[in-house]
Every structure is written in structure tokens, then in C-alpha cells.
PDB file of N, CA and C in Angstrom:
ATOM      1  N   UNK A   1       0.795  -1.040  -0.020  1.00  0.00           N
ATOM      2  CA  UNK A   1      -0.023   0.331   0.229  1.00  0.00           C
ATOM      3  C   UNK A   1       0.615   1.285   0.036  1.00  0.00           C
ATOM      4  N   UNK A   2       1.912   1.291   0.913  1.00  0.00           N
ATOM      5  CA  UNK A   2       2.753   2.555   0.922  1.00  0.00           C
ATOM      6  C   UNK A   2       3.164   2.325  -0.436  1.00  0.00           C
ATOM      7  N   UNK A   3       4.077   1.578  -1.493  1.00  0.00           N
ATOM      8  CA  UNK A   3       4.529   1.665  -2.644  1.00  0.00           C
ATOM      9  C   UNK A   3       3.688   2.440  -3.347  1.00  0.00           C
ATOM     10  N   UNK A   4       2.275   2.235  -3.241  1.00  0.00           N
ATOM     11  CA  UNK A   4       1.282   2.797  -4.462  1.00  0.00           C
ATOM     12  C   UNK A   4       1.789   3.993  -4.174  1.00  0.00           C
ATOM     13  N   UNK A   5       1.539   4.730  -2.556  1.00  0.00           N
ATOM     14  CA  UNK A   5       1.423   5.873  -2.036  1.00  0.00           C
ATOM     15  C   UNK A   5       2.239   6.859  -2.914  1.00  0.00           C
ATOM     16  N   UNK A   6       3.783   5.999  -2.687  1.00  0.00           N
ATOM     17  CA  UNK A   6       4.660   7.331  -3.354  1.00  0.00           C
ATOM     18  C   UNK A   6       4.460   6.752  -4.584  1.00  0.00           C
ATOM     19  N   UNK A   7       4.243   6.001  -5.388  1.00  0.00           N
ATOM     20  CA  UNK A   7       4.434   5.941  -7.171  1.00  0.00           C
ATOM     21  C   UNK A   7       3.244   6.987  -7.489  1.00  0.00           C
ATOM     22  N   UNK A   8       2.578   7.437  -6.520  1.00  0.00           N
ATOM     23  CA  UNK A   8       0.872   8.499  -6.856  1.00  0.00           C
ATOM     24  C   UNK A   8       1.999   9.458  -6.975  1.00  0.00           C
ATOM     25  N   UNK A   9       2.804   9.746  -5.228  1.00  0.00           N
ATOM     26  CA  UNK A   9       3.046  10.973  -5.405  1.00  0.00           C
ATOM     27  C   UNK A   9       4.551  11.606  -6.234  1.00  0.00           C
ATOM     28  N   UNK A  10       5.497  10.339  -6.386  1.00  0.00           N
ATOM     29  CA  UNK A  10       6.076  10.219  -7.658  1.00  0.00           C
ATOM     30  C   UNK A  10       5.398  10.756  -8.969  1.00  0.00           C
ATOM     31  N   UNK A  11       4.508  10.482  -9.212  1.00  0.00           N
ATOM     32  CA  UNK A  11       3.966  10.721 -10.745  1.00  0.00           C
ATOM     33  C   UNK A  11       3.089  11.858 -10.241  1.00  0.00           C
ATOM     34  N   UNK A  12       2.576  12.515  -9.485  1.00  0.00           N
ATOM     35  CA  UNK A  12       2.253  13.971  -9.346  1.00  0.00           C
ATOM     36  C   UNK A  12       3.603  14.724  -9.496  1.00  0.00           C
ATOM     37  N   UNK A  13       4.151  14.629  -8.330  1.00  0.00           N
ATOM     38  CA  UNK A  13       5.733  15.356  -9.268  1.00  0.00           C
ATOM     39  C   UNK A  13       6.157  15.752 -10.460  1.00  0.00           C
ATOM     40  N   UNK A  14       6.249  14.667 -11.424  1.00  0.00           N
ATOM     41  CA  UNK A  14       6.820  14.436 -12.445  1.00  0.00           C
ATOM     42  C   UNK A  14       5.576  15.072 -13.616  1.00  0.00           C
ATOM     43  N   UNK A  15       4.546  14.926 -13.321  1.00  0.00           N
ATOM     44  CA  UNK A  15       3.579  15.269 -14.204  1.00  0.00           C
ATOM     45  C   UNK A  15       3.306  17.173 -13.946  1.00  0.00           C
ATOM     46  N   UNK A  16       3.199  17.933 -12.557  1.00  0.00           N
ATOM     47  CA  UNK A  16       3.131  18.817 -11.947  1.00  0.00           C
ATOM     48  C   UNK A  16       4.562  19.535 -12.804  1.00  0.00           C
ATOM     49  N   UNK A  17       5.615  18.449 -12.708  1.00  0.00           N
ATOM     50  CA  UNK A  17       7.100  19.380 -13.679  1.00  0.00           C
ATOM     51  C   UNK A  17       7.084  19.676 -15.098  1.00  0.00           C
ATOM     52  N   UNK A  18       6.578  18.590 -15.466  1.00  0.00           N
ATOM     53  CA  UNK A  18       5.972  18.319 -17.138  1.00  0.00           C
ATOM     54  C   UNK A  18       4.899  19.649 -17.595  1.00  0.00           C
ATOM     55  N   UNK A  19       3.726  20.211 -16.810  1.00  0.00           N
ATOM     56  CA  UNK A  19       3.327  21.068 -16.858  1.00  0.00           C
ATOM     57  C   UNK A  19       3.979  22.523 -16.304  1.00  0.00           C
ATOM     58  N   UNK A  20       4.417  22.707 -15.713  1.00  0.00           N
ATOM     59  CA  UNK A  20       5.431  23.722 -15.560  1.00  0.00           C
ATOM     60  C   UNK A  20       6.267  24.093 -16.562  1.00  0.00           C
ATOM     61  N   UNK A  21       6.786  22.948 -17.252  1.00  0.00           N
ATOM     62  CA  UNK A  21       7.995  23.020 -18.604  1.00  0.00           C
ATOM     63  C   UNK A  21       6.705  23.866 -19.577  1.00  0.00           C
ATOM     64  N   UNK A  22       5.527  23.475 -19.633  1.00  0.00           N
ATOM     65  CA  UNK A  22       4.496  23.660 -20.963  1.00  0.00           C
ATOM     66  C   UNK A  22       4.324  25.552 -20.261  1.00  0.00           C
ATOM     67  N   UNK A  23       4.031  25.340 -19.332  1.00  0.00           N
ATOM     68  CA  UNK A  23       3.415  26.659 -18.962  1.00  0.00           C
ATOM     69  C   UNK A  23       4.270  27.534 -19.736  1.00  0.00           C
ATOM     70  N   UNK A  24       5.759  27.330 -18.635  1.00  0.00           N
ATOM     71  CA  UNK A  24       7.044  28.125 -19.516  1.00  0.00           C
ATOM     72  C   UNK A  24       7.061  28.658 -20.830  1.00  0.00           C
ATOM     73  N   UNK A  25       6.792  27.696 -21.665  1.00  0.00           N
ATOM     74  CA  UNK A  25       7.116  27.703 -22.915  1.00  0.00           C
ATOM     75  C   UNK A  25       5.839  28.479 -23.162  1.00  0.00           C
ATOM     76  N   UNK A  26       5.062  28.345 -23.002  1.00  0.00           N
ATOM     77  CA  UNK A  26       3.588  29.030 -23.482  1.00  0.00           C
ATOM     78  C   UNK A  26       3.860  30.285 -23.226  1.00  0.00           C
ATOM     79  N   UNK A  27       4.129  30.883 -22.092  1.00  0.00           N
ATOM     80  CA  UNK A  27       4.097  32.333 -21.428  1.00  0.00           C
ATOM     81  C   UNK A  27       5.432  32.702 -21.777  1.00  0.00           C
ATOM     82  N   UNK A  28       6.472  32.165 -23.134  1.00  0.00           N
ATOM     83  CA  UNK A  28       7.198  32.716 -23.449  1.00  0.00           C
ATOM     84  C   UNK A  28       6.860  33.628 -24.870  1.00  0.00           C
ATOM     85  N   UNK A  29       5.957  32.942 -25.287  1.00  0.00           N
ATOM     86  CA  UNK A  29       5.287  33.347 -26.338  1.00  0.00           C
ATOM     87  C   UNK A  29       3.838  34.804 -26.241  1.00  0.00           C
ATOM     88  N   UNK A  30       3.876  34.706 -24.988  1.00  0.00           N
ATOM     89  CA  UNK A  30       2.615  35.566 -24.398  1.00  0.00           C
ATOM     90  C   UNK A  30       2.489  36.748 -25.009  1.00  0.00           C
ATOM     91  N   UNK A  31       1.642  37.550 -25.524  1.00  0.00           N
ATOM     92  CA  UNK A  31       1.536  38.906 -25.275  1.00  0.00           C
ATOM     93  C   UNK A  31       2.142  39.535 -23.886  1.00  0.00           C
ATOM     94  N   UNK A  32       2.985  40.673 -23.978  1.00  0.00           N
ATOM     95  CA  UNK A  32       3.524  40.854 -23.040  1.00  0.00           C
ATOM     96  C   UNK A  32       2.539  42.025 -21.849  1.00  0.00           C
ATOM     97  N   UNK A  33       1.226  42.432 -22.290  1.00  0.00           N
ATOM     98  CA  UNK A  33       0.182  42.375 -21.260  1.00  0.00           C
ATOM     99  C   UNK A  33      -0.767  41.426 -20.720  1.00  0.00           C
ATOM    100  N   UNK A  34      -0.282  40.035 -21.124  1.00  0.00           N
ATOM    101  CA  UNK A  34      -0.502  39.068 -20.036  1.00  0.00           C
ATOM    102  C   UNK A  34       0.381  38.337 -19.715  1.00  0.00           C
ATOM    103  N   UNK A  35       1.190  38.947 -19.471  1.00  0.00           N
ATOM    104  CA  UNK A  35       2.492  38.170 -19.109  1.00  0.00           C
ATOM    105  C   UNK A  35       2.423  37.902 -17.235  1.00  0.00           C
ATOM    106  N   UNK A  36       2.209  39.142 -17.014  1.00  0.00           N
ATOM    107  CA  UNK A  36       1.710  39.002 -15.194  1.00  0.00           C
ATOM    108  C   UNK A  36       1.108  38.191 -15.118  1.00  0.00           C
ATOM    109  N   UNK A  37      -0.057  37.827 -15.885  1.00  0.00           N
ATOM    110  CA  UNK A  37      -1.360  36.511 -15.634  1.00  0.00           C
ATOM    111  C   UNK A  37      -0.221  35.155 -15.132  1.00  0.00           C
ATOM    112  N   UNK A  38       0.246  35.124 -16.573  1.00  0.00           N
ATOM    113  CA  UNK A  38       1.004  34.043 -16.544  1.00  0.00           C
ATOM    114  C   UNK A  38       2.116  33.758 -15.873  1.00  0.00           C
ATOM    115  N   UNK A  39       2.824  34.835 -15.001  1.00  0.00           N
ATOM    116  CA  UNK A  39       3.656  34.711 -13.778  1.00  0.00           C
ATOM    117  C   UNK A  39       3.043  34.153 -12.473  1.00  0.00           C
ATOM    118  N   UNK A  40       2.025  34.769 -12.257  1.00  0.00           N
ATOM    119  CA  UNK A  40       0.945  34.530 -11.072  1.00  0.00           C
ATOM    120  C   UNK A  40       0.638  32.829 -11.351  1.00  0.00           C
ATOM    121  N   UNK A  41       0.259  32.356 -12.424  1.00  0.00           N
ATOM    122  CA  UNK A  41       0.274  31.101 -12.846  1.00  0.00           C
ATOM    123  C   UNK A  41       1.356  30.006 -12.694  1.00  0.00           C
ATOM    124  N   UNK A  42       2.611  30.727 -12.759  1.00  0.00           N
ATOM    125  CA  UNK A  42       4.016  29.754 -12.741  1.00  0.00           C
ATOM    126  C   UNK A  42       4.225  29.687 -11.389  1.00  0.00           C
ATOM    127  N   UNK A  43       4.121  30.876 -10.474  1.00  0.00           N
ATOM    128  CA  UNK A  43       4.630  30.881  -9.381  1.00  0.00           C
ATOM    129  C   UNK A  43       3.787  30.006  -8.231  1.00  0.00           C
ATOM    130  N   UNK A  44       2.434  29.797  -8.705  1.00  0.00           N
ATOM    131  CA  UNK A  44       1.245  28.852  -7.666  1.00  0.00           C
ATOM    132  C   UNK A  44       1.463  27.366  -8.271  1.00  0.00           C
ATOM    133  N   UNK A  45       1.974  27.302  -9.642  1.00  0.00           N
ATOM    134  CA  UNK A  45       2.511  26.015  -9.302  1.00  0.00           C
ATOM    135  C   UNK A  45       3.913  25.810  -9.077  1.00  0.00           C
ATOM    136  N   UNK A  46       4.676  26.452  -9.193  1.00  0.00           N
ATOM    137  CA  UNK A  46       6.201  26.568  -8.407  1.00  0.00           C
ATOM    138  C   UNK A  46       6.093  25.918  -6.992  1.00  0.00           C
ATOM    139  N   UNK A  47       4.764  26.666  -6.456  1.00  0.00           N
ATOM    140  CA  UNK A  47       4.593  26.513  -4.686  1.00  0.00           C
ATOM    141  C   UNK A  47       3.652  24.948  -4.815  1.00  0.00           C
ATOM    142  N   UNK A  48       3.437  24.376  -5.486  1.00  0.00           N
ATOM    143  CA  UNK A  48       2.463  23.640  -5.634  1.00  0.00           C
ATOM    144  C   UNK A  48       3.586  22.516  -5.568  1.00  0.00           C
ATOM    145  N   UNK A  49       4.412  22.863  -6.261  1.00  0.00           N
ATOM    146  CA  UNK A  49       5.401  21.655  -6.775  1.00  0.00           C
ATOM    147  C   UNK A  49       6.455  21.414  -5.085  1.00  0.00           C
ATOM    148  N   UNK A  50       6.659  23.002  -4.707  1.00  0.00           N
ATOM    149  CA  UNK A  50       7.539  22.991  -3.733  1.00  0.00           C
ATOM    150  C   UNK A  50       6.569  22.218  -2.408  1.00  0.00           C
ATOM    151  N   UNK A  51       5.394  22.394  -2.297  1.00  0.00           N
ATOM    152  CA  UNK A  51       4.942  21.300  -1.337  1.00  0.00           C
ATOM    153  C   UNK A  51       4.693  19.879  -1.293  1.00  0.00           C
ATOM    154  N   UNK A  52       4.958  19.509  -2.629  1.00  0.00           N
ATOM    155  CA  UNK A  52       4.798  17.978  -2.994  1.00  0.00           C
ATOM    156  C   UNK A  52       6.138  17.886  -2.640  1.00  0.00           C
ATOM    157  N   UNK A  53       6.898  18.076  -3.082  1.00  0.00           N
ATOM    158  CA  UNK A  53       8.425  17.787  -2.928  1.00  0.00           C
ATOM    159  C   UNK A  53       9.125  17.748  -1.271  1.00  0.00           C
ATOM    160  N   UNK A  54       8.237  18.565  -0.323  1.00  0.00           N
ATOM    161  CA  UNK A  54       8.303  18.923   1.164  1.00  0.00           C
ATOM    162  C   UNK A  54       7.222  17.217   1.508  1.00  0.00           C
ATOM    163  N   UNK A  55       6.232  17.100   0.882  1.00  0.00           N
ATOM    164  CA  UNK A  55       5.638  16.399   1.568  1.00  0.00           C
ATOM    165  C   UNK A  55       6.796  14.804   0.852  1.00  0.00           C
ATOM    166  N   UNK A  56       6.669  14.704  -0.375  1.00  0.00           N
ATOM    167  CA  UNK A  56       7.608  13.327  -0.309  1.00  0.00           C
ATOM    168  C   UNK A  56       9.152  13.377   0.694  1.00  0.00           C
ATOM    169  N   UNK A  57       9.632  14.394   0.790  1.00  0.00           N
ATOM    170  CA  UNK A  57      10.360  14.274   1.666  1.00  0.00           C
ATOM    171  C   UNK A  57      10.230  14.081   3.074  1.00  0.00           C
ATOM    172  N   UNK A  58       9.382  14.319   3.883  1.00  0.00           N
ATOM    173  CA  UNK A  58       8.189  14.133   4.824  1.00  0.00           C
ATOM    174  C   UNK A  58       8.012  12.493   5.338  1.00  0.00           C
ATOM    175  N   UNK A  59       6.988  12.061   3.939  1.00  0.00           N
ATOM    176  CA  UNK A  59       6.420  11.018   3.962  1.00  0.00           C
ATOM    177  C   UNK A  59       7.146   9.721   3.153  1.00  0.00           C
ATOM    178  N   UNK A  60       7.886  10.042   2.466  1.00  0.00           N
ATOM    179  CA  UNK A  60       8.774   9.142   1.918  1.00  0.00           C
ATOM    180  C   UNK A  60      10.266   9.291   1.522  1.00  0.00           C
ATOM    181  N   UNK A  61      10.814   9.812   2.645  1.00  0.00           N
ATOM    182  CA  UNK A  61      12.492  10.380   2.505  1.00  0.00           C
ATOM    183  C   UNK A  61      12.829   8.992   1.368  1.00  0.00           C
ATOM    184  N   UNK A  62      14.004   9.561   0.637  1.00  0.00           N
ATOM    185  CA  UNK A  62      14.883   8.473  -0.148  1.00  0.00           C
ATOM    186  C   UNK A  62      14.041   8.520  -1.683  1.00  0.00           C
ATOM    187  N   UNK A  63      12.413   8.321  -1.691  1.00  0.00           N
ATOM    188  CA  UNK A  63      11.862   8.576  -2.861  1.00  0.00           C
ATOM    189  C   UNK A  63      12.701   9.668  -4.173  1.00  0.00           C
ATOM    190  N   UNK A  64      12.676  10.875  -3.772  1.00  0.00           N
ATOM    191  CA  UNK A  64      13.768  11.489  -4.341  1.00  0.00           C
ATOM    192  C   UNK A  64      15.057  11.752  -3.546  1.00  0.00           C
ATOM    193  N   UNK A  65      15.621  11.258  -5.478  1.00  0.00           N
ATOM    194  CA  UNK A  65      16.811  10.761  -4.651  1.00  0.00           C
ATOM    195  C   UNK A  65      18.100  12.668  -4.556  1.00  0.00           C
ATOM    196  N   UNK A  66      18.934  12.289  -3.919  1.00  0.00           N
ATOM    197  CA  UNK A  66      19.746  14.131  -3.466  1.00  0.00           C
ATOM    198  C   UNK A  66      20.128  14.877  -4.853  1.00  0.00           C
ATOM    199  N   UNK A  67      20.662  13.843  -5.783  1.00  0.00           N
ATOM    200  CA  UNK A  67      20.878  14.739  -7.033  1.00  0.00           C
ATOM    201  C   UNK A  67      19.443  15.208  -7.696  1.00  0.00           C
ATOM    202  N   UNK A  68      18.513  14.557  -7.766  1.00  0.00           N
ATOM    203  CA  UNK A  68      17.059  14.873  -8.050  1.00  0.00           C
ATOM    204  C   UNK A  68      16.475  15.990  -7.885  1.00  0.00           C
ATOM    205  N   UNK A  69      16.651  16.071  -6.237  1.00  0.00           N
ATOM    206  CA  UNK A  69      16.350  17.431  -6.019  1.00  0.00           C
ATOM    207  C   UNK A  69      17.425  18.712  -6.243  1.00  0.00           C
ATOM    208  N   UNK A  70      18.292  18.548  -5.982  1.00  0.00           N
ATOM    209  CA  UNK A  70      19.457  19.653  -6.315  1.00  0.00           C
ATOM    210  C   UNK A  70      19.050  20.119  -7.614  1.00  0.00           C
ATOM    211  N   UNK A  71      18.625  18.939  -8.769  1.00  0.00           N
ATOM    212  CA  UNK A  71      18.599  19.510  -9.844  1.00  0.00           C
ATOM    213  C   UNK A  71      16.996  20.092 -10.047  1.00  0.00           C
ATOM    214  N   UNK A  72      15.968  19.608  -9.273  1.00  0.00           N
ATOM    215  CA  UNK A  72      15.002  20.110  -9.304  1.00  0.00           C
ATOM    216  C   UNK A  72      15.173  22.108  -8.968  1.00  0.00           C
ATOM    217  N   UNK A  73      15.611  21.729  -7.428  1.00  0.00           N
ATOM    218  CA  UNK A  73      15.939  22.940  -7.035  1.00  0.00           C
ATOM    219  C   UNK A  73      16.428  24.091  -8.102  1.00  0.00           C
ATOM    220  N   UNK A  74      17.368  24.024  -8.906  1.00  0.00           N
ATOM    221  CA  UNK A  74      18.056  24.429  -9.617  1.00  0.00           C
ATOM    222  C   UNK A  74      16.940  25.101 -10.925  1.00  0.00           C
ATOM    223  N   UNK A  75      15.920  23.983 -11.105  1.00  0.00           N
ATOM    224  CA  UNK A  75      15.560  24.151 -12.187  1.00  0.00           C
ATOM    225  C   UNK A  75      14.332  25.128 -12.227  1.00  0.00           C
ATOM    226  N   UNK A  76      13.679  25.192 -10.630  1.00  0.00           N
ATOM    227  CA  UNK A  76      12.402  26.391 -10.414  1.00  0.00           C
ATOM    228  C   UNK A  76      12.906  27.137  -9.504  1.00  0.00           C
ATOM    229  N   UNK A  77      14.320  27.071  -8.850  1.00  0.00           N
ATOM    230  CA  UNK A  77      14.577  28.347  -7.842  1.00  0.00           C
ATOM    231  C   UNK A  77      14.367  29.784  -9.030  1.00  0.00           C
ATOM    232  N   UNK A  78      14.019  31.018  -8.641  1.00  0.00           N
ATOM    233  CA  UNK A  78      14.242  32.134  -9.579  1.00  0.00           C
ATOM    234  C   UNK A  78      13.400  32.095 -10.734  1.00  0.00           C
ATOM    235  N   UNK A  79      12.045  30.941 -10.462  1.00  0.00           N
ATOM    236  CA  UNK A  79      11.358  31.092 -12.126  1.00  0.00           C
ATOM    237  C   UNK A  79      10.676  32.497 -12.147  1.00  0.00           C
ATOM    238  N   UNK A  80      10.702  33.283 -11.120  1.00  0.00           N
ATOM    239  CA  UNK A  80       9.806  34.293 -10.959  1.00  0.00           C
ATOM    240  C   UNK A  80       9.983  35.365 -11.828  1.00  0.00           C
ATOM    241  N   UNK A  81       9.060  36.538 -12.058  1.00  0.00           N
ATOM    242  CA  UNK A  81       9.231  37.606 -13.245  1.00  0.00           C
ATOM    243  C   UNK A  81      10.554  37.923 -14.133  1.00  0.00           C
ATOM    244  N   UNK A  82      11.677  37.585 -13.070  1.00  0.00           N
ATOM    245  CA  UNK A  82      12.714  38.665 -13.793  1.00  0.00           C
ATOM    246  C   UNK A  82      12.822  37.722 -15.121  1.00  0.00           C
ATOM    247  N   UNK A  83      12.323  36.461 -15.239  1.00  0.00           N
ATOM    248  CA  UNK A  83      12.452  35.622 -16.339  1.00  0.00           C
ATOM    249  C   UNK A  83      11.478  35.515 -17.686  1.00  0.00           C
ATOM    250  N   UNK A  84      10.590  36.238 -17.391  1.00  0.00           N
ATOM    251  CA  UNK A  84       9.453  36.596 -18.555  1.00  0.00           C
ATOM    252  C   UNK A  84       9.309  38.345 -18.590  1.00  0.00           C
ATOM    253  N   UNK A  85      10.044  38.920 -18.226  1.00  0.00           N
ATOM    254  CA  UNK A  85      10.211  40.594 -18.404  1.00  0.00           C
ATOM    255  C   UNK A  85      10.577  40.726 -19.457  1.00  0.00           C
ATOM    256  N   UNK A  86       9.905  41.868 -20.201  1.00  0.00           N
ATOM    257  CA  UNK A  86      10.391  41.945 -21.540  1.00  0.00           C
ATOM    258  C   UNK A  86      11.615  43.125 -21.678  1.00  0.00           C
TER     259      UNK A  86
END
């Protein structure tokens, strides 16, 4: 049963990472007047990803390897407005 929960959590994390990448790509092509809304969406998604990663580290230590944590932190830290301003 625990394996199913950790698999589900890992799947949710992976899917959210993919969704963030898609939203970031779409935001790059957005009109400058709508980038603020894209930024808000990305910020909310990154917050949710951080919550899931924290949950994974708390409930299933070892689910996310140290190298994966470092990679995710570098991929998603600093995603805020400075990357999308014109």
C-alpha cells in the first residue's frame, strides 16, 4: 500500500514538472500585457511543486534522490518575473 502512495506522489511530482515546463514555454510567446497572469500561474505551480516535494521528503524519504532534489531546485528556483519580463 505504501508503494502505491509513493508511486502516486512521484507521478504527481513528475506531471507537475512537465506542466510547469509547458506553461513556461507558452508564457514565452504570450503578449507582454498578459505575462503578469502567466507569472502568477507559474508561481502558484512552483509553490505546489515545492509543497509536493516537501511532502515527499516527509512521508517518503528517499523517494526523490539528492541529485534529483538539487536538479529540481536549480530548475525551479528563481522562476519568478525576472525570467519573463520584456
